[in-house]
Amino acid sequence: MSYGLNLKSEGALDLVSLGGLIHRLDPGIVPFRKATHCDIHVSGGEFNVAANLADCFRLKTGIVTAMVDYPIGDLIAERVRAMGVTPFYKRFEHNGVTGPNMATVYSDRGHGVRAPVVFYNRCNEAAALLKPGDFDWGKIFAGGVRWFHSGGIYAALSETTGELIVEGMKAAKAAGAVTSIDLNYRAKLWNLWGGHEVALKVLRRIVEHVDVIVGNEEDLQMGLGIEGPKVAATAGAVQHKSKLDPSVFFGMIDKVTEMYPQVKVVATTLREVHSTSRHSWSAVAWINGQTYQAPTAELDVLDRVGGGDGYAAGFFYGLLTGAPEQEAVNLGWAHGALLTTFPGDTTMATVDQVRAFAKGGSARIQR
């Protein structure tokens, strides 16, 4: 299966991600203002995809990022090793007081009618200091690389990270890799140094070099400035479509491919949030002119963080292994669904569990 992509059949690395590593402090269902203890999850939008592909799907992956030599860096590096991801670090010394730091994300889980609350401490973040010229791409890609991935969260960190992504994309293309971006538009991050106008400039430049886009309607609108179809109004009242209806998303694809004719795949998850703990979940993809949709599952959510990265990883796995298009979408959907049943941002699923659920498996006990 080519999917319109020039996918190499082999390489020393199946996928390399470029992005920042973070540690997420999670007090569970207790809000931070009343918390007495936290679990620590190692994460990063771009890293999660590489970690999921290595740990669950047993592919060979790498992460290109910053690492600070202090105990938090050691903790994070240990988890990177545990997930089986090959690290390519630019190392920084910590001054013992102000950094540079490995970023912290604070995120409680919410419950029922109470939504999760997320905030950051990305002060003097090492990954934001990375710039073009910091990595020897020829060396990283020397044994062959099949896929290169980065994201809008990383692009938003500083004036140099977007430039580094472009440099990485060009090097990956020269090495024969398929390239992808998860647009992941985060207004909070962009507003710190340039706002929406700068975001559009940066993300559009990156997307000129990508084959595969992951992003929902809002990501396409905010990250690339692509207008959505006009919403129909009846008798003066706006009709709100279900969040599970892919028609608005698919209605924007022509505009995406008009602007970026080299893009062959655009994919996203569809999620209707009934309460923090109860979601309806589906996923869609446009692949080389054809549209595909996964089934809809009712999820009992333990921890929603990382579900989208779970979808991207399973979907990329399907494409990297030559699965039929519908199967690739279903593998991503199944893995993303399973990921919401685990604490933390990265996978604890096995590929057999993913395949069983993708085929319509149930939650009956496995004896």
Protein backbone atom coordinates (compact mmCIF):
# COMPACT_ATOMS: atom_id res chain seq x y z
CA MET A 1 0.00 0.00 0.00
CA SER A 2 1.48 3.39 -0.96
CA TYR A 3 -1.38 5.73 0.18
CA GLY A 4 0.21 8.26 -2.20
CA LEU A 5 3.16 8.35 0.20
CA ASN A 6 6.72 7.48 -0.75
CA LEU A 7 7.15 5.11 2.21
CA LYS A 8 10.45 3.27 2.43
CA SER A 9 10.15 -0.42 3.30
CA GLU A 10 12.96 -0.34 5.86
CA GLY A 11 15.36 1.82 7.84
CA ALA A 12 17.30 1.71 11.10
CA LEU A 13 14.55 3.92 12.54
CA ASP A 14 10.88 3.56 11.63
CA LEU A 15 10.00 6.97 13.10
CA VAL A 16 11.88 9.89 14.61
CA SER A 17 10.06 12.64 16.54
CA LEU A 18 11.33 16.15 17.24
CA GLY A 19 9.82 17.88 20.28
CA GLY A 20 10.10 18.81 23.93
CA LEU A 21 10.02 16.30 26.77
CA ILE A 22 7.92 17.26 29.78
CA HIS A 23 6.93 15.73 33.08
CA ARG A 24 3.28 15.97 34.08
CA LEU A 25 2.30 16.15 37.73
CA ASP A 26 -1.03 14.39 38.26
CA PRO A 27 -2.87 14.53 41.61
CA GLY A 28 -5.64 12.29 40.17
CA ILE A 29 -9.18 13.46 40.80
CA VAL A 30 -8.09 15.95 43.48
CA PRO A 31 -7.72 19.56 42.20
CA PHE A 32 -4.19 20.97 42.59
CA ARG A 33 -5.29 23.54 45.14
CA LYS A 34 -6.17 20.69 47.51
CA ALA A 35 -3.55 18.13 46.43
CA THR A 36 -1.24 16.39 48.90
CA HIS A 37 0.64 14.16 46.44
CA CYS A 38 1.08 13.60 42.68
CA ASP A 39 2.03 10.91 40.21
CA ILE A 40 4.69 11.87 37.66
CA HIS A 41 4.10 11.05 33.99
CA VAL A 42 6.72 11.66 31.30
CA SER A 43 5.21 13.07 28.16
CA GLY A 44 5.42 15.43 25.21
CA GLY A 45 3.04 15.57 22.24
CA GLU A 46 5.75 14.53 19.81
CA PHE A 47 7.49 12.09 22.13
CA ASN A 48 4.24 10.28 22.93
CA VAL A 49 3.90 9.11 19.32
CA ALA A 50 7.45 7.69 19.30
CA ALA A 51 6.95 6.08 22.73
CA ASN A 52 3.64 4.46 21.77
CA LEU A 53 5.07 3.08 18.52
CA ALA A 54 8.07 1.62 20.35
CA ASP A 55 6.36 0.19 23.43
CA CYS A 56 3.03 -1.10 22.07
CA PHE A 57 3.75 -1.59 18.37
CA ARG A 58 7.41 -2.64 18.68
CA LEU A 59 8.73 -0.28 16.02
CA LYS A 60 12.18 1.33 16.17
CA THR A 61 11.79 4.98 17.09
CA GLY A 62 13.83 7.97 18.22
CA ILE A 63 13.32 11.35 19.90
CA VAL A 64 15.36 14.46 19.07
CA THR A 65 15.17 16.86 22.00
CA ALA A 66 16.87 18.69 24.87
CA MET A 67 18.02 17.03 28.08
CA VAL A 68 19.10 18.81 31.25
CA ASP A 69 21.66 17.17 33.53
CA TYR A 70 19.85 17.28 36.87
CA PRO A 71 17.59 14.85 38.76
CA ILE A 72 14.39 15.71 36.83
CA GLY A 73 16.28 15.15 33.58
CA ASP A 74 17.51 11.81 34.91
CA LEU A 75 13.95 10.79 35.79
CA ILE A 76 12.70 11.72 32.32
CA ALA A 77 15.62 10.01 30.55
CA GLU A 78 14.93 6.82 32.49
CA ARG A 79 11.30 6.77 31.26
CA VAL A 80 12.45 7.42 27.68
CA ARG A 81 14.70 4.34 27.97
CA ALA A 82 11.87 2.32 29.56
CA MET A 83 9.60 3.04 26.58
CA GLY A 84 12.32 1.81 24.21
CA VAL A 85 12.89 5.10 22.40
CA THR A 86 16.39 5.97 21.14
CA PRO A 87 17.30 9.46 22.39
CA PHE A 88 19.23 12.09 20.44
CA TYR A 89 19.85 14.74 23.07
CA LYS A 90 21.44 18.15 23.10
CA ARG A 91 22.51 18.37 26.74
CA PHE A 92 22.27 21.40 29.00
CA GLU A 93 23.79 21.99 32.45
CA HIS A 94 21.38 23.10 35.21
CA ASN A 95 22.65 26.04 37.25
CA GLY A 96 21.01 24.77 40.44
CA VAL A 97 18.58 27.67 40.65
CA THR A 98 16.91 28.99 37.49
CA GLY A 99 17.59 26.27 34.95
CA PRO A 100 17.51 25.54 32.10
CA ASN A 101 14.60 23.31 33.09
CA MET A 102 12.65 20.32 31.83
CA ALA A 103 9.10 21.66 31.48
CA THR A 104 6.38 20.83 34.00
CA VAL A 105 2.70 20.36 33.19
CA TYR A 106 0.17 20.30 36.01
CA SER A 107 -3.04 18.46 35.21
CA ASP A 108 -5.71 17.01 37.45
CA ARG A 109 -8.13 14.45 36.01
CA GLY A 110 -11.43 16.10 36.90
CA HIS A 111 -14.42 13.83 37.34
CA GLY A 112 -17.99 13.75 36.09
CA VAL A 113 -19.22 17.33 35.60
CA ARG A 114 -15.84 18.77 36.73
CA ALA A 115 -13.46 19.18 33.79
CA PRO A 116 -9.70 18.55 34.03
CA VAL A 117 -7.61 21.69 34.65
CA VAL A 118 -4.26 22.05 32.87
CA PHE A 119 -1.55 24.68 33.40
CA TYR A 120 2.20 24.84 32.80
CA ASN A 121 5.57 25.89 34.11
CA ARG A 122 7.72 26.15 31.00
CA CYS A 123 10.01 28.83 32.42
CA ASN A 124 13.52 28.69 30.90
CA GLU A 125 12.66 25.40 29.17
CA ALA A 126 15.66 23.67 27.60
CA ALA A 127 13.68 22.40 24.59
CA ALA A 128 12.69 26.00 23.71
CA LEU A 129 16.38 26.93 23.50
CA LEU A 130 17.04 24.46 20.67
CA LYS A 131 17.77 26.01 17.28
CA PRO A 132 18.88 25.10 13.75
CA GLY A 133 22.42 23.71 13.75
CA ASP A 134 22.06 21.97 17.12
CA PHE A 135 21.74 18.47 15.63
CA ASP A 136 23.66 16.48 13.03
CA TRP A 137 20.70 15.21 11.00
CA GLY A 138 22.97 13.26 8.67
CA LYS A 139 24.23 11.28 11.64
CA ILE A 140 20.73 10.79 13.14
CA PHE A 141 19.32 9.54 9.82
CA ALA A 142 22.50 7.68 8.75
CA GLY A 143 21.03 4.17 9.04
CA GLY A 144 17.85 5.19 7.22
CA VAL A 145 14.64 6.72 8.56
CA ARG A 146 11.12 5.98 7.32
CA TRP A 147 9.03 8.68 9.02
CA PHE A 148 9.74 12.03 10.71
CA HIS A 149 7.19 13.64 13.04
CA SER A 150 6.87 16.92 14.89
CA GLY A 151 4.09 19.12 16.21
CA GLY A 152 2.50 22.50 16.74
CA ILE A 153 3.13 22.41 20.48
CA TYR A 154 6.87 22.30 19.87
CA ALA A 155 6.65 24.96 17.14
CA ALA A 156 4.96 27.30 19.64
CA LEU A 157 7.69 27.17 22.29
CA SER A 158 10.04 29.83 20.89
CA GLU A 159 11.20 31.74 17.82
CA THR A 160 13.80 29.05 17.09
CA THR A 161 11.83 25.81 17.50
CA GLY A 162 9.76 26.28 14.33
CA GLU A 163 12.98 26.92 12.40
CA LEU A 164 14.46 23.73 13.84
CA ILE A 165 11.36 21.76 12.73
CA VAL A 166 11.74 23.12 9.17
CA GLU A 167 15.44 22.15 9.20
CA GLY A 168 14.53 18.66 10.45
CA MET A 169 11.77 18.24 7.86
CA LYS A 170 14.11 19.19 5.01
CA ALA A 171 16.78 16.78 6.26
CA ALA A 172 14.19 14.01 6.69
CA LYS A 173 12.90 14.58 3.15
CA ALA A 174 16.46 14.42 1.82
CA ALA A 175 16.84 11.10 3.67
CA GLY A 176 13.70 9.78 1.94
CA ALA A 177 11.35 9.88 4.95
CA VAL A 178 7.63 10.59 5.05
CA THR A 179 6.99 13.70 7.17
CA SER A 180 4.09 14.54 9.48
CA ILE A 181 2.90 17.24 11.86
CA ASP A 182 0.26 17.21 14.56
CA LEU A 183 -0.94 20.82 14.39
CA ASN A 184 -2.03 20.81 18.08
CA TYR A 185 -2.87 24.52 18.17
CA ARG A 186 -2.32 25.89 21.68
CA ALA A 187 -3.28 29.57 21.90
CA LYS A 188 -1.78 29.89 25.41
CA LEU A 189 1.68 29.05 24.07
CA TRP A 190 1.53 31.17 20.89
CA ASN A 191 0.16 34.20 22.77
CA LEU A 192 3.38 34.46 24.80
CA TRP A 193 5.51 35.63 21.89
CA GLY A 194 3.63 36.27 18.68
CA GLY A 195 -0.02 35.34 18.81
CA HIS A 196 -2.14 34.00 16.00
CA GLU A 197 -0.45 35.87 13.13
CA VAL A 198 2.97 34.45 13.97
CA ALA A 199 1.46 30.98 14.50
CA LEU A 200 0.03 31.06 10.98
CA LYS A 201 3.37 32.08 9.47
CA VAL A 202 5.33 29.42 11.35
CA LEU A 203 2.91 26.52 10.89
CA ARG A 204 2.29 27.28 7.22
CA ARG A 205 6.05 27.20 6.57
CA ILE A 206 6.32 23.84 8.30
CA VAL A 207 3.35 22.34 6.45
CA GLU A 208 5.02 23.14 3.12
CA HIS A 209 7.33 20.23 3.98
CA VAL A 210 4.84 17.64 5.26
CA ASP A 211 3.01 14.69 3.71
CA VAL A 212 0.68 13.91 6.64
CA ILE A 213 -1.31 16.31 8.85
CA VAL A 214 -2.96 15.34 12.12
CA GLY A 215 -5.40 17.97 13.33
CA ASN A 216 -9.06 18.68 13.91
CA GLU A 217 -11.22 21.46 12.40
CA GLU A 218 -10.03 23.99 14.97
CA ASP A 219 -6.37 23.10 14.33
CA LEU A 220 -6.88 23.56 10.56
CA GLN A 221 -8.68 26.86 11.09
CA MET A 222 -6.39 28.34 13.74
CA GLY A 223 -3.11 26.73 12.68
CA LEU A 224 -3.38 27.14 8.90
CA GLY A 225 -6.07 29.81 8.54
CA ILE A 226 -8.34 27.52 6.52
CA GLU A 227 -11.97 28.57 6.70
CA GLY A 228 -14.54 25.98 7.71
CA PRO A 229 -17.78 25.51 5.79
CA LYS A 230 -20.51 27.96 6.71
CA VAL A 231 -22.73 26.60 9.50
CA ALA A 232 -26.35 26.28 8.40
CA ALA A 233 -28.85 28.46 10.31
CA THR A 234 -32.52 27.56 10.51
CA ALA A 235 -35.27 29.89 11.74
CA GLY A 236 -32.63 32.17 13.22
CA ALA A 237 -31.11 29.39 15.33
CA VAL A 238 -27.75 27.88 14.55
CA GLN A 239 -27.83 24.13 14.13
CA HIS A 240 -25.03 22.52 16.13
CA LYS A 241 -23.71 19.43 14.44
CA SER A 242 -22.59 16.50 16.54
CA LYS A 243 -18.86 16.52 17.30
CA LEU A 244 -18.91 13.00 15.81
CA ASP A 245 -20.08 14.26 12.41
CA PRO A 246 -17.02 14.37 10.13
CA SER A 247 -18.67 16.44 7.38
CA VAL A 248 -17.18 19.80 8.48
CA PHE A 249 -13.71 18.26 8.74
CA PHE A 250 -13.96 16.56 5.35
CA GLY A 251 -15.42 19.78 3.92
CA MET A 252 -12.12 21.53 4.69
CA ILE A 253 -9.82 19.00 3.03
CA ASP A 254 -10.11 20.51 -0.48
CA LYS A 255 -8.83 23.81 0.90
CA VAL A 256 -5.95 22.03 2.65
CA THR A 257 -4.85 20.21 -0.51
CA GLU A 258 -5.33 23.36 -2.62
CA MET A 259 -2.83 25.17 -0.39
CA TYR A 260 -0.59 22.13 0.07
CA PRO A 261 -0.91 19.78 -2.92
CA GLN A 262 1.87 17.53 -1.56
CA VAL A 263 -0.26 16.57 1.49
CA LYS A 264 -1.60 13.05 0.99
CA VAL A 265 -3.12 12.26 4.42
CA VAL A 266 -5.15 14.35 6.90
CA ALA A 267 -6.48 12.63 10.01
CA THR A 268 -8.13 13.45 13.32
CA THR A 269 -10.07 12.05 16.24
CA LEU A 270 -13.74 12.86 16.86
CA ARG A 271 -14.78 13.20 20.47
CA GLU A 272 -18.12 14.11 22.06
CA VAL A 273 -17.57 14.84 25.74
CA HIS A 274 -20.69 13.95 27.76
CA SER A 275 -18.84 14.28 31.05
CA THR A 276 -15.18 14.12 32.07
CA SER A 277 -15.55 10.38 32.57
CA ARG A 278 -17.78 9.56 29.60
CA HIS A 279 -16.88 10.26 25.97
CA SER A 280 -18.14 9.09 22.59
CA TRP A 281 -15.07 8.45 20.45
CA SER A 282 -14.44 8.03 16.75
CA ALA A 283 -11.76 8.95 14.21
CA VAL A 284 -11.47 9.84 10.56
CA ALA A 285 -8.85 10.14 7.85
CA TRP A 286 -8.63 11.47 4.32
CA ILE A 287 -6.08 9.33 2.50
CA ASN A 288 -5.04 10.19 -1.06
CA GLY A 289 -8.51 11.33 -2.10
CA GLN A 290 -10.62 8.83 -0.14
CA THR A 291 -12.33 9.26 3.23
CA TYR A 292 -12.48 6.71 6.05
CA GLN A 293 -14.23 6.72 9.42
CA ALA A 294 -13.74 4.46 12.45
CA PRO A 295 -16.68 3.11 14.46
CA THR A 296 -17.97 5.05 17.48
CA ALA A 297 -17.17 3.73 20.96
CA GLU A 298 -18.54 4.86 24.32
CA LEU A 299 -15.53 5.37 26.56
CA ASP A 300 -15.31 5.27 30.36
CA VAL A 301 -12.34 7.60 30.64
CA LEU A 302 -9.72 7.23 33.35
CA ASP A 303 -7.24 9.80 31.97
CA ARG A 304 -7.96 11.56 28.69
CA VAL A 305 -4.48 13.04 28.19
CA GLY A 306 -2.65 11.46 25.26
CA GLY A 307 -5.65 9.94 23.48
CA GLY A 308 -4.99 11.94 20.31
CA ASP A 309 -1.32 10.93 20.29
CA GLY A 310 -2.52 7.35 20.82
CA TYR A 311 -4.63 7.64 17.67
CA ALA A 312 -1.74 9.12 15.67
CA ALA A 313 0.60 6.32 16.76
CA GLY A 314 -1.79 3.49 15.89
CA PHE A 315 -2.71 5.13 12.58
CA PHE A 316 0.96 5.67 11.63
CA TYR A 317 1.64 2.04 12.60
CA GLY A 318 -1.03 0.93 10.17
CA LEU A 319 0.49 3.02 7.37
CA LEU A 320 4.06 1.98 8.20
CA THR A 321 3.09 -1.70 8.05
CA GLY A 322 1.05 -1.44 4.85
CA ALA A 323 -2.37 -2.12 6.38
CA PRO A 324 -5.49 -1.33 4.32
CA GLU A 325 -6.58 2.27 4.88
CA GLN A 326 -9.67 1.42 6.92
CA GLU A 327 -7.66 -0.92 9.13
CA ALA A 328 -5.04 1.80 9.74
CA VAL A 329 -7.77 4.22 10.87
CA ASN A 330 -9.32 1.55 13.10
CA LEU A 331 -5.95 0.65 14.65
CA GLY A 332 -5.41 4.30 15.57
CA TRP A 333 -8.95 4.63 16.92
CA ALA A 334 -8.62 1.46 18.99
CA HIS A 335 -5.25 2.42 20.45
CA GLY A 336 -6.44 5.95 21.30
CA ALA A 337 -9.51 4.49 23.02
CA LEU A 338 -7.41 2.06 25.06
CA LEU A 339 -5.01 4.84 26.02
CA THR A 340 -7.79 6.69 27.86
CA THR A 341 -8.12 3.67 30.19
CA PHE A 342 -4.55 4.01 31.52
CA PRO A 343 -3.04 6.61 33.82
CA GLY A 344 -0.43 8.79 32.15
CA ASP A 345 0.11 10.06 28.63
CA THR A 346 1.76 7.07 26.96
CA THR A 347 0.57 3.57 26.19
CA MET A 348 0.27 0.53 28.44
CA ALA A 349 -1.56 -1.48 25.76
CA THR A 350 -0.26 -4.46 23.81
CA VAL A 351 -0.57 -4.69 20.05
CA ASP A 352 -2.79 -7.77 20.47
CA GLN A 353 -5.23 -5.77 22.63
CA VAL A 354 -5.29 -3.02 20.01
CA ARG A 355 -5.91 -5.45 17.15
CA ALA A 356 -8.69 -7.21 19.11
CA PHE A 357 -10.45 -3.93 19.89
CA ALA A 358 -9.98 -2.64 16.32
CA LYS A 359 -11.83 -5.73 15.09
CA GLY A 360 -14.73 -5.04 17.47
CA GLY A 361 -13.46 -6.72 20.61
CA SER A 362 -15.27 -6.39 23.92
CA ALA A 363 -14.35 -5.70 27.53
CA ARG A 364 -15.10 -9.28 28.60
CA ILE A 365 -12.47 -10.69 30.93
CA GLN A 366 -9.55 -12.39 29.16
CA ARG A 367 -8.77 -15.68 30.92
